[in-house]
Amino acid sequence: METLMNILREIDDSIDYEKEQALIDDRLLDSFGVITLVAELEEAFDIEIEASEMIPENFNSAGAIYKMVCRLQEN
């Protein structure tokens, strides 16, 4: 989780990722931020995030992102 938080803070350190639950729905992360995040996650966690995973439910909070990463690492 620490690696994920570091990646998120590099993208935008003005967001309170520990509390925020609507990163996508409230447009706190824009499309460039999401693309950057996906690339960083794939590299840091050695996973591949398919287009089918690119849904708000997987990216609205740090917890949701972490859950997706853990699930993808199991595959």
PDB file of N, CA and C in Angstrom:
ATOM      1  N   MET A   1       0.824  -1.196   0.000  1.00  0.00           N
ATOM      2  CA  MET A   1       0.000   0.000   0.000  1.00  0.00           C
ATOM      3  C   MET A   1       0.868   1.261   0.000  1.00  0.00           C
ATOM      4  N   GLU A   2       2.023   1.177   0.647  1.00  0.00           N
ATOM      5  CA  GLU A   2       2.911   2.343   0.702  1.00  0.00           C
ATOM      6  C   GLU A   2       3.396   2.737  -0.692  1.00  0.00           C
ATOM      7  N   THR A   3       3.734   1.744  -1.505  1.00  0.00           N
ATOM      8  CA  THR A   3       4.167   2.015  -2.880  1.00  0.00           C
ATOM      9  C   THR A   3       3.052   2.701  -3.652  1.00  0.00           C
ATOM     10  N   LEU A   4       1.833   2.205  -3.502  1.00  0.00           N
ATOM     11  CA  LEU A   4       0.683   2.811  -4.168  1.00  0.00           C
ATOM     12  C   LEU A   4       0.508   4.258  -3.735  1.00  0.00           C
ATOM     13  N   MET A   5       0.580   4.519  -2.442  1.00  0.00           N
ATOM     14  CA  MET A   5       0.404   5.888  -1.936  1.00  0.00           C
ATOM     15  C   MET A   5       1.488   6.804  -2.484  1.00  0.00           C
ATOM     16  N   ASN A   6       2.710   6.321  -2.586  1.00  0.00           N
ATOM     17  CA  ASN A   6       3.789   7.132  -3.150  1.00  0.00           C
ATOM     18  C   ASN A   6       3.514   7.475  -4.608  1.00  0.00           C
ATOM     19  N   ILE A   7       3.023   6.506  -5.375  1.00  0.00           N
ATOM     20  CA  ILE A   7       2.691   6.746  -6.777  1.00  0.00           C
ATOM     21  C   ILE A   7       1.586   7.796  -6.876  1.00  0.00           C
ATOM     22  N   LEU A   8       0.547   7.636  -6.068  1.00  0.00           N
ATOM     23  CA  LEU A   8      -0.569   8.595  -6.108  1.00  0.00           C
ATOM     24  C   LEU A   8      -0.103   9.996  -5.748  1.00  0.00           C
ATOM     25  N   ARG A   9       0.730  10.114  -4.736  1.00  0.00           N
ATOM     26  CA  ARG A   9       1.222  11.442  -4.320  1.00  0.00           C
ATOM     27  C   ARG A   9       2.092  12.081  -5.386  1.00  0.00           C
ATOM     28  N   GLU A  10       2.828  11.256  -6.150  1.00  0.00           N
ATOM     29  CA  GLU A  10       3.634  11.804  -7.249  1.00  0.00           C
ATOM     30  C   GLU A  10       2.741  12.392  -8.337  1.00  0.00           C
ATOM     31  N   ILE A  11       1.586  11.791  -8.563  1.00  0.00           N
ATOM     32  CA  ILE A  11       0.659  12.268  -9.596  1.00  0.00           C
ATOM     33  C   ILE A  11      -0.007  13.565  -9.150  1.00  0.00           C
ATOM     34  N   ASP A  12      -0.483  13.615  -7.899  1.00  0.00           N
ATOM     35  CA  ASP A  12      -1.114  14.834  -7.370  1.00  0.00           C
ATOM     36  C   ASP A  12      -1.057  14.787  -5.853  1.00  0.00           C
ATOM     37  N   ASP A  13      -0.176  15.584  -5.272  1.00  0.00           N
ATOM     38  CA  ASP A  13      -0.006  15.548  -3.817  1.00  0.00           C
ATOM     39  C   ASP A  13      -0.994  16.434  -3.070  1.00  0.00           C
ATOM     40  N   SER A  14      -1.945  17.043  -3.762  1.00  0.00           N
ATOM     41  CA  SER A  14      -2.939  17.880  -3.089  1.00  0.00           C
ATOM     42  C   SER A  14      -4.179  17.092  -2.676  1.00  0.00           C
ATOM     43  N   ILE A  15      -4.268  15.835  -3.074  1.00  0.00           N
ATOM     44  CA  ILE A  15      -5.435  14.997  -2.771  1.00  0.00           C
ATOM     45  C   ILE A  15      -5.150  14.157  -1.529  1.00  0.00           C
ATOM     46  N   ASP A  16      -6.146  14.072  -0.630  1.00  0.00           N
ATOM     47  CA  ASP A  16      -6.036  13.221   0.556  1.00  0.00           C
ATOM     48  C   ASP A  16      -6.497  11.817   0.177  1.00  0.00           C
ATOM     49  N   TYR A  17      -5.568  11.021  -0.313  1.00  0.00           N
ATOM     50  CA  TYR A  17      -5.901   9.694  -0.826  1.00  0.00           C
ATOM     51  C   TYR A  17      -6.392   8.736   0.251  1.00  0.00           C
ATOM     52  N   GLU A  18      -6.051   9.001   1.507  1.00  0.00           N
ATOM     53  CA  GLU A  18      -6.489   8.113   2.582  1.00  0.00           C
ATOM     54  C   GLU A  18      -7.975   8.269   2.867  1.00  0.00           C
ATOM     55  N   LYS A  19      -8.551   9.425   2.532  1.00  0.00           N
ATOM     56  CA  LYS A  19      -9.968   9.676   2.811  1.00  0.00           C
ATOM     57  C   LYS A  19     -10.834   9.703   1.562  1.00  0.00           C
ATOM     58  N   GLU A  20     -10.265  10.061   0.438  1.00  0.00           N
ATOM     59  CA  GLU A  20     -11.053  10.273  -0.789  1.00  0.00           C
ATOM     60  C   GLU A  20     -11.637   8.965  -1.315  1.00  0.00           C
ATOM     61  N   GLN A  21     -12.924   8.991  -1.647  1.00  0.00           N
ATOM     62  CA  GLN A  21     -13.623   7.804  -2.133  1.00  0.00           C
ATOM     63  C   GLN A  21     -14.209   7.984  -3.533  1.00  0.00           C
ATOM     64  N   ALA A  22     -13.930   9.133  -4.162  1.00  0.00           N
ATOM     65  CA  ALA A  22     -14.522   9.410  -5.482  1.00  0.00           C
ATOM     66  C   ALA A  22     -13.511  10.099  -6.391  1.00  0.00           C
ATOM     67  N   LEU A  23     -12.326   9.507  -6.504  1.00  0.00           N
ATOM     68  CA  LEU A  23     -11.257  10.110  -7.315  1.00  0.00           C
ATOM     69  C   LEU A  23     -11.689  10.311  -8.762  1.00  0.00           C
ATOM     70  N   ILE A  24     -12.407   9.357  -9.307  1.00  0.00           N
ATOM     71  CA  ILE A  24     -12.861   9.444 -10.691  1.00  0.00           C
ATOM     72  C   ILE A  24     -14.195  10.180 -10.769  1.00  0.00           C
ATOM     73  N   ASP A  25     -15.150   9.758  -9.948  1.00  0.00           N
ATOM     74  CA  ASP A  25     -16.492  10.351  -9.996  1.00  0.00           C
ATOM     75  C   ASP A  25     -16.466  11.856  -9.764  1.00  0.00           C
ATOM     76  N   ASP A  26     -15.597  12.327  -8.887  1.00  0.00           N
ATOM     77  CA  ASP A  26     -15.485  13.771  -8.607  1.00  0.00           C
ATOM     78  C   ASP A  26     -14.438  14.451  -9.483  1.00  0.00           C
ATOM     79  N   ARG A  27     -13.893  13.702 -10.442  1.00  0.00           N
ATOM     80  CA  ARG A  27     -12.904  14.198 -11.408  1.00  0.00           C
ATOM     81  C   ARG A  27     -11.653  14.790 -10.733  1.00  0.00           C
ATOM     82  N   LEU A  28     -11.248  14.164  -9.642  1.00  0.00           N
ATOM     83  CA  LEU A  28     -10.011  14.594  -8.980  1.00  0.00           C
ATOM     84  C   LEU A  28      -8.799  14.098  -9.765  1.00  0.00           C
ATOM     85  N   LEU A  29      -8.932  12.931 -10.385  1.00  0.00           N
ATOM     86  CA  LEU A  29      -7.903  12.431 -11.295  1.00  0.00           C
ATOM     87  C   LEU A  29      -8.436  12.591 -12.713  1.00  0.00           C
ATOM     88  N   ASP A  30      -7.711  13.325 -13.532  1.00  0.00           N
ATOM     89  CA  ASP A  30      -8.134  13.494 -14.923  1.00  0.00           C
ATOM     90  C   ASP A  30      -7.613  12.326 -15.759  1.00  0.00           C
ATOM     91  N   SER A  31      -7.930  12.333 -17.036  1.00  0.00           N
ATOM     92  CA  SER A  31      -7.546  11.212 -17.890  1.00  0.00           C
ATOM     93  C   SER A  31      -6.028  11.033 -17.945  1.00  0.00           C
ATOM     94  N   PHE A  32      -5.290  12.134 -17.981  1.00  0.00           N
ATOM     95  CA  PHE A  32      -3.827  12.027 -17.986  1.00  0.00           C
ATOM     96  C   PHE A  32      -3.340  11.402 -16.684  1.00  0.00           C
ATOM     97  N   GLY A  33      -3.950  11.798 -15.566  1.00  0.00           N
ATOM     98  CA  GLY A  33      -3.580  11.229 -14.270  1.00  0.00           C
ATOM     99  C   GLY A  33      -3.833   9.738 -14.210  1.00  0.00           C
ATOM    100  N   VAL A  34      -4.964   9.313 -14.779  1.00  0.00           N
ATOM    101  CA  VAL A  34      -5.295   7.886 -14.781  1.00  0.00           C
ATOM    102  C   VAL A  34      -4.322   7.111 -15.657  1.00  0.00           C
ATOM    103  N   ILE A  35      -4.007   7.642 -16.829  1.00  0.00           N
ATOM    104  CA  ILE A  35      -3.059   6.973 -17.729  1.00  0.00           C
ATOM    105  C   ILE A  35      -1.690   6.855 -17.056  1.00  0.00           C
ATOM    106  N   THR A  36      -1.263   7.921 -16.420  1.00  0.00           N
ATOM    107  CA  THR A  36       0.011   7.910 -15.695  1.00  0.00           C
ATOM    108  C   THR A  36      -0.036   6.881 -14.569  1.00  0.00           C
ATOM    109  N   LEU A  37      -1.138   6.872 -13.837  1.00  0.00           N
ATOM    110  CA  LEU A  37      -1.302   5.933 -12.725  1.00  0.00           C
ATOM    111  C   LEU A  37      -1.228   4.491 -13.213  1.00  0.00           C
ATOM    112  N   VAL A  38      -1.935   4.185 -14.290  1.00  0.00           N
ATOM    113  CA  VAL A  38      -1.936   2.819 -14.830  1.00  0.00           C
ATOM    114  C   VAL A  38      -0.512   2.399 -15.212  1.00  0.00           C
ATOM    115  N   ALA A  39       0.201   3.273 -15.900  1.00  0.00           N
ATOM    116  CA  ALA A  39       1.570   2.955 -16.309  1.00  0.00           C
ATOM    117  C   ALA A  39       2.465   2.716 -15.091  1.00  0.00           C
ATOM    118  N   GLU A  40       2.337   3.564 -14.088  1.00  0.00           N
ATOM    119  CA  GLU A  40       3.153   3.420 -12.872  1.00  0.00           C
ATOM    120  C   GLU A  40       2.805   2.144 -12.113  1.00  0.00           C
ATOM    121  N   LEU A  41       1.511   1.824 -12.038  1.00  0.00           N
ATOM    122  CA  LEU A  41       1.083   0.604 -11.346  1.00  0.00           C
ATOM    123  C   LEU A  41       1.607  -0.635 -12.056  1.00  0.00           C
ATOM    124  N   GLU A  42       1.504  -0.640 -13.377  1.00  0.00           N
ATOM    125  CA  GLU A  42       1.975  -1.795 -14.138  1.00  0.00           C
ATOM    126  C   GLU A  42       3.464  -2.028 -13.920  1.00  0.00           C
ATOM    127  N   GLU A  43       4.223  -0.950 -13.901  1.00  0.00           N
ATOM    128  CA  GLU A  43       5.670  -1.080 -13.701  1.00  0.00           C
ATOM    129  C   GLU A  43       6.017  -1.468 -12.268  1.00  0.00           C
ATOM    130  N   ALA A  44       5.415  -0.796 -11.312  1.00  0.00           N
ATOM    131  CA  ALA A  44       5.775  -1.020  -9.905  1.00  0.00           C
ATOM    132  C   ALA A  44       5.349  -2.395  -9.401  1.00  0.00           C
ATOM    133  N   PHE A  45       4.197  -2.881  -9.872  1.00  0.00           N
ATOM    134  CA  PHE A  45       3.657  -4.129  -9.347  1.00  0.00           C
ATOM    135  C   PHE A  45       3.744  -5.293 -10.332  1.00  0.00           C
ATOM    136  N   ASP A  46       4.371  -5.059 -11.494  1.00  0.00           N
ATOM    137  CA  ASP A  46       4.546  -6.098 -12.507  1.00  0.00           C
ATOM    138  C   ASP A  46       3.209  -6.758 -12.864  1.00  0.00           C
ATOM    139  N   ILE A  47       2.237  -5.912 -13.209  1.00  0.00           N
ATOM    140  CA  ILE A  47       0.916  -6.378 -13.611  1.00  0.00           C
ATOM    141  C   ILE A  47       0.557  -5.753 -14.947  1.00  0.00           C
ATOM    142  N   GLU A  48      -0.505  -6.268 -15.561  1.00  0.00           N
ATOM    143  CA  GLU A  48      -1.037  -5.671 -16.771  1.00  0.00           C
ATOM    144  C   GLU A  48      -2.497  -5.312 -16.502  1.00  0.00           C
ATOM    145  N   ILE A  49      -2.824  -4.045 -16.664  1.00  0.00           N
ATOM    146  CA  ILE A  49      -4.179  -3.579 -16.421  1.00  0.00           C
ATOM    147  C   ILE A  49      -4.892  -3.486 -17.769  1.00  0.00           C
ATOM    148  N   GLU A  50      -5.807  -4.419 -17.992  1.00  0.00           N
ATOM    149  CA  GLU A  50      -6.557  -4.483 -19.247  1.00  0.00           C
ATOM    150  C   GLU A  50      -7.586  -3.357 -19.300  1.00  0.00           C
ATOM    151  N   ALA A  51      -8.053  -3.057 -20.501  1.00  0.00           N
ATOM    152  CA  ALA A  51      -9.071  -2.022 -20.684  1.00  0.00           C
ATOM    153  C   ALA A  51     -10.322  -2.326 -19.865  1.00  0.00           C
ATOM    154  N   SER A  52     -10.652  -3.595 -19.716  1.00  0.00           N
ATOM    155  CA  SER A  52     -11.849  -3.978 -18.960  1.00  0.00           C
ATOM    156  C   SER A  52     -11.753  -3.618 -17.474  1.00  0.00           C
ATOM    157  N   GLU A  53     -10.539  -3.391 -16.978  1.00  0.00           N
ATOM    158  CA  GLU A  53     -10.335  -2.997 -15.584  1.00  0.00           C
ATOM    159  C   GLU A  53     -10.468  -1.491 -15.387  1.00  0.00           C
ATOM    160  N   MET A  54     -10.507  -0.758 -16.487  1.00  0.00           N
ATOM    161  CA  MET A  54     -10.511   0.708 -16.420  1.00  0.00           C
ATOM    162  C   MET A  54     -11.921   1.233 -16.186  1.00  0.00           C
ATOM    163  N   ILE A  55     -12.448   0.921 -15.012  1.00  0.00           N
ATOM    164  CA  ILE A  55     -13.777   1.374 -14.623  1.00  0.00           C
ATOM    165  C   ILE A  55     -13.654   2.175 -13.327  1.00  0.00           C
ATOM    166  N   PRO A  56     -14.559   3.137 -13.114  1.00  0.00           N
ATOM    167  CA  PRO A  56     -14.457   3.984 -11.919  1.00  0.00           C
ATOM    168  C   PRO A  56     -14.362   3.200 -10.617  1.00  0.00           C
ATOM    169  N   GLU A  57     -15.076   2.089 -10.521  1.00  0.00           N
ATOM    170  CA  GLU A  57     -15.077   1.308  -9.283  1.00  0.00           C
ATOM    171  C   GLU A  57     -13.667   0.862  -8.886  1.00  0.00           C
ATOM    172  N   ASN A  58     -12.791   0.666  -9.854  1.00  0.00           N
ATOM    173  CA  ASN A  58     -11.425   0.224  -9.562  1.00  0.00           C
ATOM    174  C   ASN A  58     -10.477   1.379  -9.255  1.00  0.00           C
ATOM    175  N   PHE A  59     -10.914   2.617  -9.495  1.00  0.00           N
ATOM    176  CA  PHE A  59     -10.000   3.757  -9.363  1.00  0.00           C
ATOM    177  C   PHE A  59     -10.538   4.887  -8.490  1.00  0.00           C
ATOM    178  N   ASN A  60     -11.688   4.712  -7.849  1.00  0.00           N
ATOM    179  CA  ASN A  60     -12.274   5.802  -7.073  1.00  0.00           C
ATOM    180  C   ASN A  60     -11.576   6.054  -5.740  1.00  0.00           C
ATOM    181  N   SER A  61     -10.837   5.082  -5.236  1.00  0.00           N
ATOM    182  CA  SER A  61     -10.145   5.278  -3.951  1.00  0.00           C
ATOM    183  C   SER A  61      -8.847   4.482  -3.952  1.00  0.00           C
ATOM    184  N   ALA A  62      -7.962   4.859  -3.054  1.00  0.00           N
ATOM    185  CA  ALA A  62      -6.703   4.128  -2.916  1.00  0.00           C
ATOM    186  C   ALA A  62      -6.981   2.675  -2.557  1.00  0.00           C
ATOM    187  N   GLY A  63      -7.985   2.445  -1.718  1.00  0.00           N
ATOM    188  CA  GLY A  63      -8.339   1.087  -1.333  1.00  0.00           C
ATOM    189  C   GLY A  63      -8.800   0.254  -2.516  1.00  0.00           C
ATOM    190  N   ALA A  64      -9.618   0.858  -3.372  1.00  0.00           N
ATOM    191  CA  ALA A  64     -10.108   0.151  -4.559  1.00  0.00           C
ATOM    192  C   ALA A  64      -8.962  -0.151  -5.516  1.00  0.00           C
ATOM    193  N   ILE A  65      -8.058   0.794  -5.677  1.00  0.00           N
ATOM    194  CA  ILE A  65      -6.904   0.585  -6.553  1.00  0.00           C
ATOM    195  C   ILE A  65      -6.042  -0.546  -6.005  1.00  0.00           C
ATOM    196  N   TYR A  66      -5.802  -0.524  -4.706  1.00  0.00           N
ATOM    197  CA  TYR A  66      -4.974  -1.551  -4.082  1.00  0.00           C
ATOM    198  C   TYR A  66      -5.613  -2.932  -4.215  1.00  0.00           C
ATOM    199  N   LYS A  67      -6.934  -2.997  -4.039  1.00  0.00           N
ATOM    200  CA  LYS A  67      -7.658  -4.255  -4.176  1.00  0.00           C
ATOM    201  C   LYS A  67      -7.509  -4.805  -5.598  1.00  0.00           C
ATOM    202  N   MET A  68      -7.615  -3.923  -6.599  1.00  0.00           N
ATOM    203  CA  MET A  68      -7.459  -4.334  -7.984  1.00  0.00           C
ATOM    204  C   MET A  68      -6.032  -4.844  -8.222  1.00  0.00           C
ATOM    205  N   VAL A  69      -5.042  -4.123  -7.723  1.00  0.00           N
ATOM    206  CA  VAL A  69      -3.641  -4.524  -7.899  1.00  0.00           C
ATOM    207  C   VAL A  69      -3.403  -5.905  -7.296  1.00  0.00           C
ATOM    208  N   CYS A  70      -3.896  -6.123  -6.092  1.00  0.00           N
ATOM    209  CA  CYS A  70      -3.709  -7.428  -5.427  1.00  0.00           C
ATOM    210  C   CYS A  70      -4.374  -8.537  -6.229  1.00  0.00           C
ATOM    211  N   ARG A  71      -5.567  -8.279  -6.746  1.00  0.00           N
ATOM    212  CA  ARG A  71      -6.282  -9.276  -7.545  1.00  0.00           C
ATOM    213  C   ARG A  71      -5.510  -9.604  -8.817  1.00  0.00           C
ATOM    214  N   LEU A  72      -4.968  -8.568  -9.464  1.00  0.00           N
ATOM    215  CA  LEU A  72      -4.223  -8.786 -10.701  1.00  0.00           C
ATOM    216  C   LEU A  72      -2.893  -9.497 -10.461  1.00  0.00           C
ATOM    217  N   GLN A  73      -2.308  -9.281  -9.299  1.00  0.00           N
ATOM    218  CA  GLN A  73      -1.055  -9.969  -8.974  1.00  0.00           C
ATOM    219  C   GLN A  73      -1.280 -11.457  -8.757  1.00  0.00           C
ATOM    220  N   GLU A  74      -2.486 -11.851  -8.364  1.00  0.00           N
ATOM    221  CA  GLU A  74      -2.791 -13.253  -8.132  1.00  0.00           C
ATOM    222  C   GLU A  74      -2.927 -14.029  -9.437  1.00  0.00           C
ATOM    223  N   ASN A  75      -3.232 -13.325 -10.522  1.00  0.00           N
ATOM    224  CA  ASN A  75      -3.437 -13.997 -11.820  1.00  0.00           C
ATOM    225  C   ASN A  75      -2.136 -14.366 -12.480  1.00  0.00           C
TER     226      ASN A  75
END
